[in-house]
């Protein structure tokens, strides 16, 4: 079966996977307006918990599917694998369902101790399992190289989610329970459509050999995914225990704002950088490789913080349009989370050296050390200083992984990525964030404020203009082509 190109793969599968997250992000302003702050905090922690369930119980089998289908092209074996996974997930859910029903009627958890909260946890458990089945279906369609069906299913998933949410908004009492039930209903409808696409692969067959193969290649990645997710979102559980759901809501909004950088820049850069990195390593001298990689990372850092400053500029003004002014506090923590995000992305870029040296276990050890640092830091800092402690802990975790991978690289694969310049960019961003807070706090005239922001951004671009040459080169090339 002929394969598809990297570019087409990115457009079909990469963007397809981003659609759901993008729609959920676009729905957030509606939830912020319709729900009170405490209820939005509950929704946030329940949504995170549902995603955590789906990551844990998926066992990253979709990764194993790609490998299994690439090795075994017989229809009978593939049918057996899909059926085995479906039966395995349903049996797993049955075991978890029985265990859940053995729990007391009310959960002994601060801010989540009522019968309604227990019911909501059960709904997100169900929703998590529907996302597991949906991910399995998408993995099978991708392994079978069925791009039309893959795109059709992801688009249908998004449309159903939007329709169900619109129904909830206009025809029901808008609350956390109904929103979660809406997610469950939309996801269930999506997997019904998905199983329709895989109808010829559905049997009652159970192949122990296929299950062992899929788990063998999926479980290691599953552990890494769970740890990574806890690093990103685990501090919300500490906020629930040591603070309240209002703080969870405010912190969630700050993280959602910061997440825009990932959607706009980081995800696309990571997808395109990885093959470039490997190609350069295999085709040029080691000195030229380091020079090129250092330059690309430096350019990325410059662009990242330029967009980050634009985000810091607009976040408070956009939050000010919400009827609940409590969310304005989220703008205080956005710069902290942006710094944490930048260090985390740098870690991912620098950790590619472990793949070259075939030492991926090093990356796993660094990630586990980061999680342990986060757990200890969250326990101490959130109890002491609340939301600020949660934001500082994100920086602490990212800094831990960043420092540890640099220690490894310095010994085995040195990459300096223009560190003094990177440090200068970080300091410029911190000064910009302080100035932004002062401008907003003292409510400066809009014209003066915009002029101040423009001056700071212009100065930044001028100081680091060499890192933005690619923009000028791209524009000038397009202009010359149009003139020709």
Protein backbone atom coordinates (compact mmCIF):
# COMPACT_ATOMS: atom_id res chain seq x y z
CA UNK A 1 0.00 0.00 0.00
CA UNK A 2 1.61 3.31 -1.02
CA UNK A 3 2.38 5.71 1.81
CA UNK A 4 1.52 9.39 1.98
CA UNK A 5 4.06 12.21 2.19
CA UNK A 6 5.12 13.90 5.42
CA UNK A 7 3.38 17.13 4.43
CA UNK A 8 0.10 15.38 3.68
CA UNK A 9 0.45 13.37 6.87
CA UNK A 10 0.80 16.58 8.87
CA UNK A 11 -2.16 18.23 7.15
CA UNK A 12 -4.44 15.22 7.53
CA UNK A 13 -3.52 13.77 10.90
CA UNK A 14 -1.90 16.72 12.68
CA UNK A 15 -4.65 19.24 11.96
CA UNK A 16 -7.29 16.55 12.45
CA UNK A 17 -6.04 15.96 15.99
CA UNK A 18 -5.96 19.71 16.70
CA UNK A 19 -9.59 20.31 15.70
CA UNK A 20 -11.13 18.91 18.87
CA UNK A 21 -8.76 20.81 21.16
CA UNK A 22 -9.36 24.01 19.18
CA UNK A 23 -13.15 23.74 19.43
CA UNK A 24 -12.94 23.03 23.17
CA UNK A 25 -10.77 26.15 23.52
CA UNK A 26 -13.30 28.24 21.57
CA UNK A 27 -16.09 27.00 23.85
CA UNK A 28 -14.26 28.17 26.98
CA UNK A 29 -15.43 31.85 26.80
CA UNK A 30 -19.03 30.57 26.72
CA UNK A 31 -18.43 28.44 29.81
CA UNK A 32 -16.75 31.36 31.58
CA UNK A 33 -19.81 33.54 30.99
CA UNK A 34 -22.49 30.93 31.69
CA UNK A 35 -20.97 29.26 34.78
CA UNK A 36 -20.01 30.90 38.04
CA UNK A 37 -16.30 30.84 38.88
CA UNK A 38 -16.52 27.93 41.34
CA UNK A 39 -18.51 25.79 38.90
CA UNK A 40 -16.10 26.51 36.07
CA UNK A 41 -13.30 25.39 38.39
CA UNK A 42 -15.17 22.13 38.97
CA UNK A 43 -15.69 21.68 35.24
CA UNK A 44 -11.97 22.30 34.66
CA UNK A 45 -10.78 19.70 37.16
CA UNK A 46 -13.35 17.17 35.92
CA UNK A 47 -12.35 17.75 32.29
CA UNK A 48 -8.68 17.26 33.21
CA UNK A 49 -9.62 14.10 35.12
CA UNK A 50 -11.54 12.73 32.13
CA UNK A 51 -8.53 13.31 29.90
CA UNK A 52 -6.30 11.65 32.50
CA UNK A 53 -8.59 8.62 32.54
CA UNK A 54 -8.41 8.38 28.76
CA UNK A 55 -4.60 8.58 28.78
CA UNK A 56 -4.23 5.97 31.54
CA UNK A 57 -6.69 3.43 30.13
CA UNK A 58 -5.73 3.83 26.49
CA UNK A 59 -2.34 2.26 27.28
CA UNK A 60 -1.16 4.21 24.19
CA UNK A 61 -2.29 1.22 22.13
CA UNK A 62 -2.80 3.49 19.11
CA UNK A 63 1.01 3.65 18.95
CA UNK A 64 1.10 -0.13 18.88
CA UNK A 65 -1.56 -0.23 16.15
CA UNK A 66 0.67 1.68 13.73
CA UNK A 67 3.50 -0.75 14.31
CA UNK A 68 1.30 -3.85 14.22
CA UNK A 69 -0.39 -2.87 10.95
CA UNK A 70 2.95 -2.00 9.37
CA UNK A 71 4.24 -5.51 10.13
CA UNK A 72 1.09 -7.54 9.47
CA UNK A 73 -0.93 -6.71 6.35
CA UNK A 74 -3.24 -9.74 6.36
CA UNK A 75 -6.86 -8.60 6.76
CA UNK A 76 -7.60 -11.45 9.18
CA UNK A 77 -4.79 -10.40 11.53
CA UNK A 78 -5.80 -6.74 11.41
CA UNK A 79 -9.45 -7.63 12.03
CA UNK A 80 -8.37 -9.74 14.96
CA UNK A 81 -6.28 -6.87 16.39
CA UNK A 82 -9.13 -4.33 16.20
CA UNK A 83 -11.63 -6.73 17.76
CA UNK A 84 -9.16 -7.70 20.48
CA UNK A 85 -8.58 -4.05 21.40
CA UNK A 86 -12.31 -3.33 21.51
CA UNK A 87 -12.99 -6.31 23.78
CA UNK A 88 -9.97 -5.46 25.96
CA UNK A 89 -11.11 -1.85 26.48
CA UNK A 90 -14.67 -2.94 27.29
CA UNK A 91 -13.42 -5.51 29.83
CA UNK A 92 -11.11 -2.89 31.36
CA UNK A 93 -14.03 -0.51 31.69
CA UNK A 94 -16.15 -3.22 33.30
CA UNK A 95 -13.47 -3.80 35.97
CA UNK A 96 -13.13 -0.05 36.64
CA UNK A 97 -16.92 0.32 36.72
CA UNK A 98 -17.24 -2.39 39.39
CA UNK A 99 -14.42 -0.81 41.42
CA UNK A 100 -16.00 2.64 41.17
CA UNK A 101 -19.34 1.35 42.43
CA UNK A 102 -17.63 -0.08 45.51
CA UNK A 103 -16.66 3.46 46.51
CA UNK A 104 -18.85 5.32 49.05
CA UNK A 105 -21.76 7.45 47.80
CA UNK A 106 -19.83 10.64 48.53
CA UNK A 107 -16.14 11.11 47.85
CA UNK A 108 -14.08 12.31 50.80
CA UNK A 109 -12.32 14.98 48.73
CA UNK A 110 -12.28 18.71 49.57
CA UNK A 111 -14.64 20.65 47.25
CA UNK A 112 -15.82 17.34 45.72
CA UNK A 113 -17.67 15.58 48.53
CA UNK A 114 -21.32 15.59 47.40
CA UNK A 115 -23.33 12.88 45.64
CA UNK A 116 -23.55 15.15 42.57
CA UNK A 117 -19.75 15.39 42.47
CA UNK A 118 -19.49 11.61 42.58
CA UNK A 119 -21.96 11.36 39.71
CA UNK A 120 -19.92 13.89 37.71
CA UNK A 121 -16.76 11.85 38.27
CA UNK A 122 -18.58 8.78 36.94
CA UNK A 123 -19.70 10.72 33.85
CA UNK A 124 -16.13 11.85 33.08
CA UNK A 125 -14.99 8.26 33.62
CA UNK A 126 -17.47 7.18 30.95
CA UNK A 127 -16.44 10.05 28.72
CA UNK A 128 -12.77 9.13 29.17
CA UNK A 129 -13.48 5.59 27.97
CA UNK A 130 -15.39 6.86 24.93
CA UNK A 131 -12.31 8.94 24.06
CA UNK A 132 -10.19 5.79 24.44
CA UNK A 133 -12.38 3.96 21.93
CA UNK A 134 -12.44 6.98 19.64
CA UNK A 135 -8.64 7.19 19.75
CA UNK A 136 -8.40 3.48 18.95
CA UNK A 137 -10.64 3.96 15.90
CA UNK A 138 -8.58 6.92 14.68
CA UNK A 139 -5.39 4.92 15.23
CA UNK A 140 -6.76 2.06 13.14
CA UNK A 141 -7.86 4.40 10.33
CA UNK A 142 -4.43 6.03 10.34
CA UNK A 143 -2.67 2.66 10.29
CA UNK A 144 -4.91 1.56 7.42
CA UNK A 145 -4.07 4.82 5.61
CA UNK A 146 -7.69 5.88 5.22
CA UNK A 147 -7.26 9.69 5.20
CA UNK A 148 -10.76 10.48 3.89
CA UNK A 149 -12.43 8.44 6.62
CA UNK A 150 -10.01 9.85 9.21
CA UNK A 151 -10.80 13.45 8.31
CA UNK A 152 -14.52 12.71 8.00
CA UNK A 153 -14.57 11.22 11.48
CA UNK A 154 -12.61 14.06 13.13
CA UNK A 155 -14.81 16.67 11.46
CA UNK A 156 -17.96 14.75 12.46
CA UNK A 157 -16.64 14.59 16.04
CA UNK A 158 -16.23 18.36 16.14
CA UNK A 159 -19.60 19.10 14.51
CA UNK A 160 -21.44 16.78 16.92
CA UNK A 161 -19.69 18.41 19.89
CA UNK A 162 -20.73 21.88 18.67
CA UNK A 163 -24.35 20.84 18.01
CA UNK A 164 -24.71 19.19 21.42
CA UNK A 165 -23.20 22.23 23.17
CA UNK A 166 -25.56 24.56 21.29
CA UNK A 167 -28.51 22.42 22.38
CA UNK A 168 -27.33 22.57 26.01
CA UNK A 169 -26.90 26.36 25.82
CA UNK A 170 -30.36 27.11 24.47
CA UNK A 171 -32.61 24.25 25.58
CA UNK A 172 -31.34 23.08 28.99
CA UNK A 173 -30.27 24.57 32.28
CA UNK A 174 -26.61 25.34 31.64
CA UNK A 175 -24.58 23.61 34.35
CA UNK A 176 -21.52 21.44 34.89
CA UNK A 177 -23.58 18.23 34.89
CA UNK A 178 -25.24 18.97 31.55
CA UNK A 179 -21.96 20.04 29.91
CA UNK A 180 -20.27 16.79 30.94
CA UNK A 181 -23.25 14.70 29.79
CA UNK A 182 -23.07 16.62 26.50
CA UNK A 183 -19.42 15.66 26.06
CA UNK A 184 -20.33 12.04 26.79
CA UNK A 185 -23.24 12.01 24.31
CA UNK A 186 -21.24 13.67 21.52
CA UNK A 187 -18.28 11.32 22.02
CA UNK A 188 -20.57 8.27 22.05
CA UNK A 189 -22.19 9.34 18.77
CA UNK A 190 -18.71 9.83 17.29
CA UNK A 191 -17.57 6.30 18.16
CA UNK A 192 -20.79 4.87 16.67
CA UNK A 193 -19.85 6.59 13.39
CA UNK A 194 -16.26 5.42 13.78
CA UNK A 195 -17.21 1.79 14.27
CA UNK A 196 -19.31 2.15 11.12
CA UNK A 197 -16.08 2.98 9.27
CA UNK A 198 -14.46 -0.13 10.77
CA UNK A 199 -17.49 -2.42 10.47
CA UNK A 200 -15.63 -5.13 8.53
CA UNK A 201 -13.05 -5.32 11.33
CA UNK A 202 -15.58 -5.97 14.09
CA UNK A 203 -15.79 -9.60 15.23
CA UNK A 204 -15.85 -11.43 18.55
CA UNK A 205 -12.29 -12.60 18.05
CA UNK A 206 -9.76 -12.21 20.91
CA UNK A 207 -6.11 -12.65 19.98
CA UNK A 208 -3.82 -12.83 23.02
CA UNK A 209 -0.73 -12.55 20.82
CA UNK A 210 -2.00 -9.33 19.22
CA UNK A 211 -2.89 -7.87 22.63
CA UNK A 212 0.57 -8.69 24.00
CA UNK A 213 2.19 -7.06 20.96
CA UNK A 214 0.06 -3.90 21.21
CA UNK A 215 0.64 -3.52 24.95
CA UNK A 216 4.38 -4.15 24.59
CA UNK A 217 4.79 -1.18 22.25
CA UNK A 218 2.12 0.99 23.83
CA UNK A 219 2.78 0.77 27.57
CA UNK A 220 6.20 2.51 27.67
CA UNK A 221 4.75 5.50 25.81
CA UNK A 222 1.65 5.36 28.02
CA UNK A 223 3.74 5.85 31.16
CA UNK A 224 5.51 8.80 29.55
CA UNK A 225 2.18 10.34 28.48
CA UNK A 226 0.67 10.00 31.96
CA UNK A 227 3.74 11.56 33.58
CA UNK A 228 3.80 14.41 31.05
CA UNK A 229 0.10 15.11 31.59
CA UNK A 230 0.53 15.19 35.36
CA UNK A 231 3.44 17.62 34.96
CA UNK A 232 1.21 19.94 32.94
CA UNK A 233 -2.03 19.65 34.93
CA UNK A 234 -1.34 17.84 38.22
CA UNK A 235 -1.07 21.04 40.25
CA UNK A 236 -4.84 21.57 39.83
CA UNK A 237 -5.43 18.67 42.20
CA UNK A 238 -3.26 20.39 44.82
CA UNK A 239 -5.27 23.57 44.28
CA UNK A 240 -8.48 21.63 44.92
CA UNK A 241 -7.10 20.10 48.12
CA UNK A 242 -5.37 23.16 49.55
CA UNK A 243 -7.42 26.02 48.12
CA UNK A 244 -10.75 26.05 46.26
CA UNK A 245 -12.31 25.54 42.83
CA UNK A 246 -12.29 29.31 42.20
CA UNK A 247 -8.48 29.19 42.17
CA UNK A 248 -8.61 26.19 39.85
CA UNK A 249 -10.80 28.23 37.47
CA UNK A 250 -8.43 31.22 37.45
CA UNK A 251 -5.37 29.01 36.93
CA UNK A 252 -7.14 27.12 34.15
CA UNK A 253 -7.85 30.39 32.31
CA UNK A 254 -4.17 31.39 32.61
CA UNK A 255 -3.14 28.02 31.17
CA UNK A 256 -5.68 28.29 28.36
CA UNK A 257 -4.28 31.71 27.40
CA UNK A 258 -0.74 30.33 27.42
CA UNK A 259 -1.90 27.35 25.35
CA UNK A 260 -2.63 29.68 22.44
CA UNK A 261 1.14 29.78 21.83
CA UNK A 262 1.15 26.01 21.35
CA UNK A 263 -1.70 26.16 18.84
CA UNK A 264 -0.24 29.10 16.91
CA UNK A 265 3.49 28.25 16.96
CA UNK A 266 4.85 25.44 19.12
CA UNK A 267 2.95 22.44 17.72
CA UNK A 268 3.67 23.33 14.09
CA UNK A 269 7.34 24.06 14.85
CA UNK A 270 7.82 20.76 16.69
CA UNK A 271 6.27 18.78 13.84
CA UNK A 272 8.47 20.46 11.22
CA UNK A 273 11.64 20.66 13.35
CA UNK A 274 11.94 16.95 14.14
CA UNK A 275 12.48 15.70 10.54
CA UNK A 276 14.73 18.73 9.84
CA UNK A 277 16.82 17.88 12.91
CA UNK A 278 17.26 14.25 11.87
CA UNK A 279 17.95 15.15 8.23
CA UNK A 280 20.66 17.66 9.19
CA UNK A 281 22.28 15.18 11.55
CA UNK A 282 22.50 12.56 8.78
CA UNK A 283 23.64 14.83 5.94
CA UNK A 284 26.08 17.48 7.26
CA UNK A 285 29.18 17.61 9.43
CA UNK A 286 28.71 17.68 13.20
CA UNK A 287 29.96 21.29 13.42
CA UNK A 288 27.58 22.45 10.69
CA UNK A 289 24.78 20.49 12.34
CA UNK A 290 25.32 22.26 15.65
CA UNK A 291 25.53 25.66 13.94
CA UNK A 292 22.28 25.12 12.04
CA UNK A 293 20.39 23.69 15.01
CA UNK A 294 21.60 26.45 17.35
CA UNK A 295 20.47 29.06 14.82
CA UNK A 296 17.02 27.48 14.38
CA UNK A 297 16.44 27.17 18.12
CA UNK A 298 17.51 30.77 18.63
CA UNK A 299 15.12 31.94 15.90
CA UNK A 300 12.30 29.93 17.46
CA UNK A 301 12.97 31.42 20.91
CA UNK A 302 12.89 34.95 19.46
CA UNK A 303 9.61 34.29 17.66
CA UNK A 304 8.11 32.54 20.67
CA UNK A 305 8.70 35.47 22.99
CA UNK A 306 7.56 38.01 20.41
CA UNK A 307 4.20 36.23 20.23
CA UNK A 308 4.28 35.80 24.00
CA UNK A 309 4.62 39.57 24.49
CA UNK A 310 1.70 40.17 22.15
CA UNK A 311 -0.30 37.68 24.23
CA UNK A 312 0.67 39.41 27.49
CA UNK A 313 -0.34 42.72 25.89
CA UNK A 314 -3.89 41.60 25.02
CA UNK A 315 -4.77 39.07 27.75
CA UNK A 316 -5.92 41.48 30.45
CA UNK A 317 -7.88 43.59 27.96
CA UNK A 318 -9.69 40.51 26.63
CA UNK A 319 -10.41 39.17 30.12
CA UNK A 320 -11.81 42.58 31.04
CA UNK A 321 -14.69 41.94 28.61
CA UNK A 322 -15.89 38.99 30.72
CA UNK A 323 -18.66 39.78 33.18
CA UNK A 324 -16.81 38.03 36.01
CA UNK A 325 -13.85 40.25 36.89
CA UNK A 326 -12.30 37.52 39.04
CA UNK A 327 -10.76 36.13 35.86
CA UNK A 328 -8.63 39.26 35.47
CA UNK A 329 -6.35 37.69 38.07
CA UNK A 330 -5.40 35.06 35.49
CA UNK A 331 -3.39 37.73 33.63
CA UNK A 332 -1.04 37.92 36.62
CA UNK A 333 0.05 34.32 36.12
CA UNK A 334 0.20 34.21 32.32
CA UNK A 335 3.86 35.47 32.17
CA UNK A 336 4.92 32.79 34.69
CA UNK A 337 3.29 30.04 32.65
CA UNK A 338 4.78 31.40 29.42
CA UNK A 339 8.28 31.20 30.94
CA UNK A 340 7.54 27.64 32.12
CA UNK A 341 6.25 26.76 28.66
CA UNK A 342 9.37 28.16 26.96
CA UNK A 343 11.66 26.08 29.18
CA UNK A 344 9.51 23.01 28.59
CA UNK A 345 9.70 23.45 24.80
CA UNK A 346 13.46 23.97 24.97
CA UNK A 347 13.70 20.74 26.95
CA UNK A 348 11.78 18.87 24.22
CA UNK A 349 14.02 20.32 21.52
CA UNK A 350 17.25 19.57 23.38
CA UNK A 351 16.05 16.09 24.40
CA UNK A 352 16.18 15.02 20.75
CA UNK A 353 19.87 14.30 21.36
CA UNK A 354 18.81 11.31 23.46
CA UNK A 355 17.18 9.81 20.36
CA UNK A 356 20.36 10.32 18.35
CA UNK A 357 22.41 8.62 21.05
CA UNK A 358 19.72 5.95 21.51
CA UNK A 359 19.37 6.94 25.17
CA UNK A 360 15.65 7.62 25.37
CA UNK A 361 15.68 6.22 28.91
CA UNK A 362 17.51 9.41 29.89
CA UNK A 363 14.53 11.48 28.75
CA UNK A 364 12.21 9.25 30.79
CA UNK A 365 14.37 9.63 33.92
CA UNK A 366 14.44 13.40 33.48
CA UNK A 367 10.66 13.47 33.09
CA UNK A 368 10.15 11.40 36.26
CA UNK A 369 12.56 13.66 38.18
CA UNK A 370 10.54 16.64 36.93
CA UNK A 371 7.29 15.08 38.17
CA UNK A 372 8.78 14.37 41.60
CA UNK A 373 10.01 17.97 41.79
CA UNK A 374 6.52 19.15 40.84
CA UNK A 375 4.79 17.01 43.45
CA UNK A 376 7.06 18.23 46.24
CA UNK A 377 7.00 21.82 45.01
CA UNK A 378 3.20 21.87 44.64
CA UNK A 379 2.70 20.40 48.10
CA UNK A 380 4.85 23.11 49.67
CA UNK A 381 4.25 26.18 47.50
CA UNK A 382 0.49 25.89 46.90
CA UNK A 383 -0.13 25.52 50.63
CA UNK A 384 1.98 28.61 51.31
CA UNK A 385 1.14 31.03 48.50
CA UNK A 386 -1.76 29.50 46.55
CA UNK A 387 -2.02 30.39 42.87
CA UNK A 388 1.38 32.05 42.77
CA UNK A 389 2.83 28.85 44.18
CA UNK A 390 1.17 26.83 41.38
CA UNK A 391 2.62 29.18 38.74
CA UNK A 392 6.10 29.13 40.31
CA UNK A 393 5.94 25.34 40.53
CA UNK A 394 5.37 25.13 36.77
CA UNK A 395 8.58 27.13 36.27
CA UNK A 396 10.38 24.94 38.81
CA UNK A 397 9.39 21.76 36.97
CA UNK A 398 10.32 23.11 33.54
CA UNK A 399 13.60 24.44 34.90
CA UNK A 400 14.39 21.02 36.39
CA UNK A 401 13.96 19.24 33.07
CA UNK A 402 15.81 22.02 31.22
CA UNK A 403 18.83 21.92 33.57
CA UNK A 404 19.03 18.11 33.63
CA UNK A 405 18.94 17.75 29.83
CA UNK A 406 21.60 20.46 29.56
CA UNK A 407 23.82 18.52 31.98
CA UNK A 408 23.43 15.43 29.79
CA UNK A 409 24.02 17.35 26.56
CA UNK A 410 27.07 19.16 27.92
CA UNK A 411 28.71 15.80 28.53
CA UNK A 412 27.57 13.88 25.45
CA UNK A 413 26.22 16.30 22.86
CA UNK A 414 26.87 20.01 23.54
CA UNK A 415 24.41 22.50 22.03
CA UNK A 416 24.76 26.09 23.24
CA UNK A 417 21.72 27.45 21.25
CA UNK A 418 23.16 30.97 21.80
CA UNK A 419 22.50 30.82 25.54
CA UNK A 420 23.51 34.43 26.40
CA UNK A 421 21.10 35.70 23.73
CA UNK A 422 18.34 33.39 24.98
CA UNK A 423 18.87 34.68 28.52
CA UNK A 424 18.68 38.26 27.23
CA UNK A 425 15.39 37.51 25.46
CA UNK A 426 13.99 36.02 28.66
CA UNK A 427 14.99 39.10 30.68
CA UNK A 428 13.42 41.38 28.04
CA UNK A 429 10.17 39.41 28.32
CA UNK A 430 10.19 39.75 32.12
CA UNK A 431 10.67 43.54 31.85
CA UNK A 432 7.90 43.71 29.25
CA UNK A 433 5.56 41.78 31.56
CA UNK A 434 6.30 44.10 34.49
CA UNK A 435 5.66 47.14 32.27
CA UNK A 436 2.42 45.57 31.02
CA UNK A 437 1.20 45.07 34.60
CA UNK A 438 2.00 48.69 35.50
CA UNK A 439 0.29 50.03 32.36
CA UNK A 440 -2.87 48.05 33.06
CA UNK A 441 -2.87 48.64 36.81
CA UNK A 442 -2.60 52.43 36.46
CA UNK A 443 -5.10 52.46 33.57
CA UNK A 444 -2.99 54.58 31.23
CA UNK A 445 -4.59 56.33 28.28
CA UNK A 446 -5.16 53.80 25.49
CA UNK A 447 -3.10 55.78 22.97
CA UNK A 448 -0.14 56.07 25.38
CA UNK A 449 -0.46 52.39 26.29
CA UNK A 450 -0.46 51.24 22.64
CA UNK A 451 2.46 53.56 21.90
CA UNK A 452 4.40 52.11 24.84
CA UNK A 453 3.74 48.54 23.75
CA UNK A 454 4.70 49.36 20.15
CA UNK A 455 7.95 50.96 21.31
CA UNK A 456 8.89 47.94 23.44
CA UNK A 457 8.03 45.45 20.69
CA UNK A 458 9.87 47.54 18.12
CA UNK A 459 12.95 47.67 20.35
CA UNK A 460 12.79 43.90 20.80
CA UNK A 461 12.61 43.26 17.05
CA UNK A 462 15.47 45.70 16.45
CA UNK A 463 17.77 44.15 19.07
CA UNK A 464 17.17 40.63 17.80
CA UNK A 465 16.61 41.55 14.15
CA UNK A 466 19.01 38.90 12.87
CA UNK A 467 16.66 36.22 14.17
CA UNK A 468 13.81 37.65 12.10
CA UNK A 469 15.68 37.68 8.78
CA UNK A 470 13.64 34.70 7.64
CA UNK A 471 10.50 36.86 7.62
CA UNK A 472 12.15 39.55 5.46
CA UNK A 473 13.62 36.89 3.15
CA UNK A 474 10.22 35.22 2.74
CA UNK A 475 8.41 38.51 2.04
CA UNK A 476 11.07 39.77 -0.37
CA UNK A 477 11.10 36.45 -2.25
CA UNK A 478 7.31 36.55 -2.67
CA UNK A 479 7.51 40.20 -3.78
CA UNK A 480 10.18 39.51 -6.38
CA UNK A 481 8.21 36.54 -7.71
CA UNK A 482 5.07 38.67 -8.02
CA UNK A 483 6.99 41.38 -9.86
CA UNK A 484 8.49 38.81 -12.21
